[in-house]
Amino acid sequence: MKWLIIVAFLLIIASLAGALVAMMRGDSASGDERRTRRMAKALTVRIGLSVLLFIAVIISYHLGWIQPTGLPMR
């Protein structure tokens, strides 16, 4: 489960970096629409991966695959 979380975080960061590259690349007026679509797609992928990771962590907790290791409850 740890590897799944690590890979998901890396994919989320890569998607965010892709959106940054799309946003910062070039100033040509003809490529603005294409650049905007590419950035929006990268951000949509990032949101989807984040939601999928959250759901996977919740399901894994309920199935007992992961255990909380925070402060003890009193």
PDB file of N, CA and C in Angstrom:
ATOM      1  N   MET A   1       0.817  -1.192   0.000  1.00  0.00           N
ATOM      2  CA  MET A   1       0.000   0.000   0.000  1.00  0.00           C
ATOM      3  C   MET A   1       0.866   1.263   0.000  1.00  0.00           C
ATOM      4  N   LYS A   2       2.033   1.173   0.681  1.00  0.00           N
ATOM      5  CA  LYS A   2       2.925   2.331   0.717  1.00  0.00           C
ATOM      6  C   LYS A   2       3.381   2.716  -0.686  1.00  0.00           C
ATOM      7  N   TRP A   3       3.682   1.715  -1.488  1.00  0.00           N
ATOM      8  CA  TRP A   3       4.167   1.998  -2.851  1.00  0.00           C
ATOM      9  C   TRP A   3       3.073   2.641  -3.697  1.00  0.00           C
ATOM     10  N   LEU A   4       1.841   2.220  -3.514  1.00  0.00           N
ATOM     11  CA  LEU A   4       0.734   2.817  -4.243  1.00  0.00           C
ATOM     12  C   LEU A   4       0.594   4.300  -3.896  1.00  0.00           C
ATOM     13  N   ILE A   5       0.728   4.622  -2.620  1.00  0.00           N
ATOM     14  CA  ILE A   5       0.619   6.016  -2.185  1.00  0.00           C
ATOM     15  C   ILE A   5       1.788   6.838  -2.732  1.00  0.00           C
ATOM     16  N   ILE A   6       2.989   6.280  -2.679  1.00  0.00           N
ATOM     17  CA  ILE A   6       4.165   6.990  -3.195  1.00  0.00           C
ATOM     18  C   ILE A   6       4.036   7.244  -4.689  1.00  0.00           C
ATOM     19  N   VAL A   7       3.624   6.236  -5.434  1.00  0.00           N
ATOM     20  CA  VAL A   7       3.464   6.388  -6.891  1.00  0.00           C
ATOM     21  C   VAL A   7       2.371   7.412  -7.199  1.00  0.00           C
ATOM     22  N   ALA A   8       1.278   7.372  -6.442  1.00  0.00           N
ATOM     23  CA  ALA A   8       0.192   8.339  -6.663  1.00  0.00           C
ATOM     24  C   ALA A   8       0.677   9.759  -6.409  1.00  0.00           C
ATOM     25  N   PHE A   9       1.433   9.963  -5.323  1.00  0.00           N
ATOM     26  CA  PHE A   9       1.966  11.299  -5.057  1.00  0.00           C
ATOM     27  C   PHE A   9       2.906  11.753  -6.168  1.00  0.00           C
ATOM     28  N   LEU A  10       3.744  10.861  -6.657  1.00  0.00           N
ATOM     29  CA  LEU A  10       4.652  11.228  -7.747  1.00  0.00           C
ATOM     30  C   LEU A  10       3.893  11.585  -9.025  1.00  0.00           C
ATOM     31  N   LEU A  11       2.828  10.843  -9.312  1.00  0.00           N
ATOM     32  CA  LEU A  11       2.013  11.157 -10.486  1.00  0.00           C
ATOM     33  C   LEU A  11       1.294  12.492 -10.320  1.00  0.00           C
ATOM     34  N   ILE A  12       0.832  12.782  -9.112  1.00  0.00           N
ATOM     35  CA  ILE A  12       0.171  14.062  -8.844  1.00  0.00           C
ATOM     36  C   ILE A  12       1.153  15.213  -9.047  1.00  0.00           C
ATOM     37  N   ILE A  13       2.366  15.061  -8.531  1.00  0.00           N
ATOM     38  CA  ILE A  13       3.384  16.104  -8.687  1.00  0.00           C
ATOM     39  C   ILE A  13       3.783  16.253 -10.152  1.00  0.00           C
ATOM     40  N   ALA A  14       3.891  15.141 -10.891  1.00  0.00           N
ATOM     41  CA  ALA A  14       4.229  15.210 -12.310  1.00  0.00           C
ATOM     42  C   ALA A  14       3.134  15.919 -13.105  1.00  0.00           C
ATOM     43  N   SER A  15       1.882  15.664 -12.762  1.00  0.00           N
ATOM     44  CA  SER A  15       0.780  16.330 -13.438  1.00  0.00           C
ATOM     45  C   SER A  15       0.786  17.825 -13.147  1.00  0.00           C
ATOM     46  N   LEU A  16       1.080  18.184 -11.911  1.00  0.00           N
ATOM     47  CA  LEU A  16       1.162  19.593 -11.543  1.00  0.00           C
ATOM     48  C   LEU A  16       2.326  20.277 -12.271  1.00  0.00           C
ATOM     49  N   ALA A  17       3.440  19.576 -12.404  1.00  0.00           N
ATOM     50  CA  ALA A  17       4.579  20.119 -13.147  1.00  0.00           C
ATOM     51  C   ALA A  17       4.240  20.277 -14.625  1.00  0.00           C
ATOM     52  N   GLY A  18       3.483  19.338 -15.172  1.00  0.00           N
ATOM     53  CA  GLY A  18       3.052  19.452 -16.567  1.00  0.00           C
ATOM     54  C   GLY A  18       2.168  20.669 -16.791  1.00  0.00           C
ATOM     55  N   ALA A  19       1.304  20.943 -15.832  1.00  0.00           N
ATOM     56  CA  ALA A  19       0.458  22.135 -15.934  1.00  0.00           C
ATOM     57  C   ALA A  19       1.297  23.400 -15.844  1.00  0.00           C
ATOM     58  N   LEU A  20       2.317  23.392 -15.002  1.00  0.00           N
ATOM     59  CA  LEU A  20       3.199  24.546 -14.887  1.00  0.00           C
ATOM     60  C   LEU A  20       3.956  24.788 -16.184  1.00  0.00           C
ATOM     61  N   VAL A  21       4.460  23.731 -16.791  1.00  0.00           N
ATOM     62  CA  VAL A  21       5.178  23.867 -18.064  1.00  0.00           C
ATOM     63  C   VAL A  21       4.243  24.403 -19.138  1.00  0.00           C
ATOM     64  N   ALA A  22       3.020  23.890 -19.187  1.00  0.00           N
ATOM     65  CA  ALA A  22       2.050  24.368 -20.178  1.00  0.00           C
ATOM     66  C   ALA A  22       1.721  25.833 -19.964  1.00  0.00           C
ATOM     67  N   MET A  23       1.653  26.257 -18.708  1.00  0.00           N
ATOM     68  CA  MET A  23       1.319  27.644 -18.410  1.00  0.00           C
ATOM     69  C   MET A  23       2.473  28.577 -18.765  1.00  0.00           C
ATOM     70  N   MET A  24       3.699  28.153 -18.532  1.00  0.00           N
ATOM     71  CA  MET A  24       4.855  29.035 -18.703  1.00  0.00           C
ATOM     72  C   MET A  24       5.415  29.042 -20.127  1.00  0.00           C
ATOM     73  N   ARG A  25       5.026  28.103 -20.961  1.00  0.00           N
ATOM     74  CA  ARG A  25       5.623  27.957 -22.277  1.00  0.00           C
ATOM     75  C   ARG A  25       5.092  28.997 -23.266  1.00  0.00           C
ATOM     76  N   GLY A  26       5.975  29.715 -23.921  1.00  0.00           N
ATOM     77  CA  GLY A  26       5.678  30.592 -25.050  1.00  0.00           C
ATOM     78  C   GLY A  26       4.638  31.667 -24.842  1.00  0.00           C
ATOM     79  N   ASP A  27       4.645  32.665 -25.750  1.00  0.00           N
ATOM     80  CA  ASP A  27       3.691  33.763 -25.723  1.00  0.00           C
ATOM     81  C   ASP A  27       2.919  33.908 -27.031  1.00  0.00           C
ATOM     82  N   SER A  28       3.004  32.929 -27.906  1.00  0.00           N
ATOM     83  CA  SER A  28       2.348  33.064 -29.207  1.00  0.00           C
ATOM     84  C   SER A  28       0.834  33.069 -29.051  1.00  0.00           C
ATOM     85  N   ALA A  29       0.180  33.964 -29.763  1.00  0.00           N
ATOM     86  CA  ALA A  29      -1.273  34.103 -29.663  1.00  0.00           C
ATOM     87  C   ALA A  29      -1.997  32.890 -30.236  1.00  0.00           C
ATOM     88  N   SER A  30      -1.427  32.256 -31.254  1.00  0.00           N
ATOM     89  CA  SER A  30      -2.097  31.114 -31.882  1.00  0.00           C
ATOM     90  C   SER A  30      -2.070  29.879 -30.990  1.00  0.00           C
ATOM     91  N   GLY A  31      -1.082  29.768 -30.101  1.00  0.00           N
ATOM     92  CA  GLY A  31      -0.969  28.586 -29.253  1.00  0.00           C
ATOM     93  C   GLY A  31      -1.624  28.730 -27.905  1.00  0.00           C
ATOM     94  N   ASP A  32      -2.235  29.888 -27.628  1.00  0.00           N
ATOM     95  CA  ASP A  32      -2.831  30.110 -26.309  1.00  0.00           C
ATOM     96  C   ASP A  32      -3.960  29.135 -26.011  1.00  0.00           C
ATOM     97  N   GLU A  33      -4.820  28.890 -26.992  1.00  0.00           N
ATOM     98  CA  GLU A  33      -5.948  27.991 -26.756  1.00  0.00           C
ATOM     99  C   GLU A  33      -5.454  26.560 -26.517  1.00  0.00           C
ATOM    100  N   ARG A  34      -4.480  26.139 -27.296  1.00  0.00           N
ATOM    101  CA  ARG A  34      -3.932  24.792 -27.137  1.00  0.00           C
ATOM    102  C   ARG A  34      -3.226  24.657 -25.789  1.00  0.00           C
ATOM    103  N   ARG A  35      -2.507  25.697 -25.412  1.00  0.00           N
ATOM    104  CA  ARG A  35      -1.797  25.709 -24.139  1.00  0.00           C
ATOM    105  C   ARG A  35      -2.790  25.664 -22.975  1.00  0.00           C
ATOM    106  N   THR A  36      -3.863  26.408 -23.095  1.00  0.00           N
ATOM    107  CA  THR A  36      -4.886  26.430 -22.054  1.00  0.00           C
ATOM    108  C   THR A  36      -5.539  25.062 -21.904  1.00  0.00           C
ATOM    109  N   ARG A  37      -5.846  24.419 -23.025  1.00  0.00           N
ATOM    110  CA  ARG A  37      -6.445  23.080 -22.973  1.00  0.00           C
ATOM    111  C   ARG A  37      -5.490  22.083 -22.327  1.00  0.00           C
ATOM    112  N   ARG A  38      -4.214  22.169 -22.679  1.00  0.00           N
ATOM    113  CA  ARG A  38      -3.220  21.253 -22.124  1.00  0.00           C
ATOM    114  C   ARG A  38      -3.077  21.455 -20.613  1.00  0.00           C
ATOM    115  N   MET A  39      -3.068  22.700 -20.176  1.00  0.00           N
ATOM    116  CA  MET A  39      -2.959  22.995 -18.752  1.00  0.00           C
ATOM    117  C   MET A  39      -4.207  22.509 -18.010  1.00  0.00           C
ATOM    118  N   ALA A  40      -5.378  22.751 -18.569  1.00  0.00           N
ATOM    119  CA  ALA A  40      -6.623  22.313 -17.934  1.00  0.00           C
ATOM    120  C   ALA A  40      -6.684  20.791 -17.837  1.00  0.00           C
ATOM    121  N   LYS A  41      -6.214  20.108 -18.866  1.00  0.00           N
ATOM    122  CA  LYS A  41      -6.212  18.647 -18.844  1.00  0.00           C
ATOM    123  C   LYS A  41      -5.263  18.133 -17.760  1.00  0.00           C
ATOM    124  N   ALA A  42      -4.079  18.741 -17.640  1.00  0.00           N
ATOM    125  CA  ALA A  42      -3.125  18.320 -16.612  1.00  0.00           C
ATOM    126  C   ALA A  42      -3.684  18.555 -15.213  1.00  0.00           C
ATOM    127  N   LEU A  43      -4.359  19.671 -15.007  1.00  0.00           N
ATOM    128  CA  LEU A  43      -4.945  19.944 -13.695  1.00  0.00           C
ATOM    129  C   LEU A  43      -6.122  19.019 -13.407  1.00  0.00           C
ATOM    130  N   THR A  44      -6.884  18.660 -14.434  1.00  0.00           N
ATOM    131  CA  THR A  44      -7.985  17.711 -14.262  1.00  0.00           C
ATOM    132  C   THR A  44      -7.450  16.341 -13.865  1.00  0.00           C
ATOM    133  N   VAL A  45      -6.373  15.927 -14.489  1.00  0.00           N
ATOM    134  CA  VAL A  45      -5.742  14.650 -14.132  1.00  0.00           C
ATOM    135  C   VAL A  45      -5.263  14.692 -12.685  1.00  0.00           C
ATOM    136  N   ARG A  46      -4.676  15.818 -12.270  1.00  0.00           N
ATOM    137  CA  ARG A  46      -4.196  15.946 -10.894  1.00  0.00           C
ATOM    138  C   ARG A  46      -5.344  15.828  -9.903  1.00  0.00           C
ATOM    139  N   ILE A  47      -6.459  16.471 -10.187  1.00  0.00           N
ATOM    140  CA  ILE A  47      -7.611  16.396  -9.291  1.00  0.00           C
ATOM    141  C   ILE A  47      -8.152  14.972  -9.236  1.00  0.00           C
ATOM    142  N   GLY A  48      -8.241  14.329 -10.379  1.00  0.00           N
ATOM    143  CA  GLY A  48      -8.712  12.944 -10.419  1.00  0.00           C
ATOM    144  C   GLY A  48      -7.812  12.005  -9.627  1.00  0.00           C
ATOM    145  N   LEU A  49      -6.492  12.167  -9.775  1.00  0.00           N
ATOM    146  CA  LEU A  49      -5.561  11.334  -9.020  1.00  0.00           C
ATOM    147  C   LEU A  49      -5.655  11.597  -7.520  1.00  0.00           C
ATOM    148  N   SER A  50      -5.846  12.846  -7.148  1.00  0.00           N
ATOM    149  CA  SER A  50      -5.970  13.187  -5.725  1.00  0.00           C
ATOM    150  C   SER A  50      -7.227  12.555  -5.124  1.00  0.00           C
ATOM    151  N   VAL A  51      -8.336  12.637  -5.827  1.00  0.00           N
ATOM    152  CA  VAL A  51      -9.583  12.027  -5.340  1.00  0.00           C
ATOM    153  C   VAL A  51      -9.436  10.509  -5.271  1.00  0.00           C
ATOM    154  N   LEU A  52      -8.821   9.915  -6.282  1.00  0.00           N
ATOM    155  CA  LEU A  52      -8.610   8.471  -6.299  1.00  0.00           C
ATOM    156  C   LEU A  52      -7.713   8.033  -5.143  1.00  0.00           C
ATOM    157  N   LEU A  53      -6.662   8.785  -4.859  1.00  0.00           N
ATOM    158  CA  LEU A  53      -5.780   8.469  -3.732  1.00  0.00           C
ATOM    159  C   LEU A  53      -6.545   8.561  -2.411  1.00  0.00           C
ATOM    160  N   PHE A  54      -7.346   9.601  -2.246  1.00  0.00           N
ATOM    161  CA  PHE A  54      -8.128   9.764  -1.018  1.00  0.00           C
ATOM    162  C   PHE A  54      -9.075   8.582  -0.821  1.00  0.00           C
ATOM    163  N   ILE A  55      -9.764   8.183  -1.873  1.00  0.00           N
ATOM    164  CA  ILE A  55     -10.696   7.053  -1.786  1.00  0.00           C
ATOM    165  C   ILE A  55      -9.944   5.765  -1.481  1.00  0.00           C
ATOM    166  N   ALA A  56      -8.776   5.575  -2.102  1.00  0.00           N
ATOM    167  CA  ALA A  56      -7.981   4.368  -1.850  1.00  0.00           C
ATOM    168  C   ALA A  56      -7.513   4.297  -0.403  1.00  0.00           C
ATOM    169  N   VAL A  57      -7.130   5.424   0.176  1.00  0.00           N
ATOM    170  CA  VAL A  57      -6.702   5.432   1.579  1.00  0.00           C
ATOM    171  C   VAL A  57      -7.878   5.116   2.498  1.00  0.00           C
ATOM    172  N   ILE A  58      -9.034   5.687   2.233  1.00  0.00           N
ATOM    173  CA  ILE A  58     -10.217   5.421   3.061  1.00  0.00           C
ATOM    174  C   ILE A  58     -10.609   3.944   2.972  1.00  0.00           C
ATOM    175  N   ILE A  59     -10.641   3.394   1.781  1.00  0.00           N
ATOM    176  CA  ILE A  59     -11.002   1.974   1.611  1.00  0.00           C
ATOM    177  C   ILE A  59      -9.965   1.076   2.277  1.00  0.00           C
ATOM    178  N   SER A  60      -8.693   1.405   2.121  1.00  0.00           N
ATOM    179  CA  SER A  60      -7.633   0.603   2.730  1.00  0.00           C
ATOM    180  C   SER A  60      -7.732   0.613   4.251  1.00  0.00           C
ATOM    181  N   TYR A  61      -8.091   1.742   4.816  1.00  0.00           N
ATOM    182  CA  TYR A  61      -8.270   1.824   6.266  1.00  0.00           C
ATOM    183  C   TYR A  61      -9.433   0.945   6.719  1.00  0.00           C
ATOM    184  N   HIS A  62     -10.545   1.016   5.993  1.00  0.00           N
ATOM    185  CA  HIS A  62     -11.719   0.229   6.378  1.00  0.00           C
ATOM    186  C   HIS A  62     -11.493  -1.268   6.205  1.00  0.00           C
ATOM    187  N   LEU A  63     -10.649  -1.660   5.239  1.00  0.00           N
ATOM    188  CA  LEU A  63     -10.356  -3.077   5.037  1.00  0.00           C
ATOM    189  C   LEU A  63      -9.245  -3.573   5.957  1.00  0.00           C
ATOM    190  N   GLY A  64      -8.601  -2.661   6.684  1.00  0.00           N
ATOM    191  CA  GLY A  64      -7.560  -3.065   7.619  1.00  0.00           C
ATOM    192  C   GLY A  64      -6.187  -3.191   7.004  1.00  0.00           C
ATOM    193  N   TRP A  65      -6.000  -2.732   5.775  1.00  0.00           N
ATOM    194  CA  TRP A  65      -4.693  -2.824   5.114  1.00  0.00           C
ATOM    195  C   TRP A  65      -3.701  -1.822   5.679  1.00  0.00           C
ATOM    196  N   ILE A  66      -4.204  -0.697   6.203  1.00  0.00           N
ATOM    197  CA  ILE A  66      -3.347   0.300   6.823  1.00  0.00           C
ATOM    198  C   ILE A  66      -3.899   0.610   8.208  1.00  0.00           C
ATOM    199  N   GLN A  67      -3.011   0.995   9.113  1.00  0.00           N
ATOM    200  CA  GLN A  67      -3.400   1.313  10.478  1.00  0.00           C
ATOM    201  C   GLN A  67      -2.948   2.727  10.810  1.00  0.00           C
ATOM    202  N   PRO A  68      -3.736   3.459  11.585  1.00  0.00           N
ATOM    203  CA  PRO A  68      -3.300   4.795  11.994  1.00  0.00           C
ATOM    204  C   PRO A  68      -2.145   4.660  12.986  1.00  0.00           C
ATOM    205  N   THR A  69      -1.191   5.578  12.896  1.00  0.00           N
ATOM    206  CA  THR A  69      -0.039   5.540  13.797  1.00  0.00           C
ATOM    207  C   THR A  69       0.157   6.875  14.481  1.00  0.00           C
ATOM    208  N   GLY A  70      -0.885   7.649  14.607  1.00  0.00           N
ATOM    209  CA  GLY A  70      -0.798   8.977  15.214  1.00  0.00           C
ATOM    210  C   GLY A  70      -0.732   8.917  16.727  1.00  0.00           C
ATOM    211  N   LEU A  71      -1.145   9.970  17.370  1.00  0.00           N
ATOM    212  CA  LEU A  71      -1.140  10.060  18.811  1.00  0.00           C
ATOM    213  C   LEU A  71      -2.186   9.093  19.394  1.00  0.00           C
ATOM    214  N   PRO A  72      -1.868   8.481  20.526  1.00  0.00           N
ATOM    215  CA  PRO A  72      -2.847   7.550  21.127  1.00  0.00           C
ATOM    216  C   PRO A  72      -4.059   8.296  21.675  1.00  0.00           C
ATOM    217  N   MET A  73      -5.214   7.687  21.539  1.00  0.00           N
ATOM    218  CA  MET A  73      -6.458   8.254  22.059  1.00  0.00           C
ATOM    219  C   MET A  73      -6.535   7.962  23.553  1.00  0.00           C
ATOM    220  N   ARG A  74      -7.020   8.927  24.341  1.00  0.00           N
ATOM    221  CA  ARG A  74      -7.141   8.700  25.785  1.00  0.00           C
ATOM    222  C   ARG A  74      -8.575   8.641  26.212  1.00  0.00           C
TER     223      ARG A  74
END
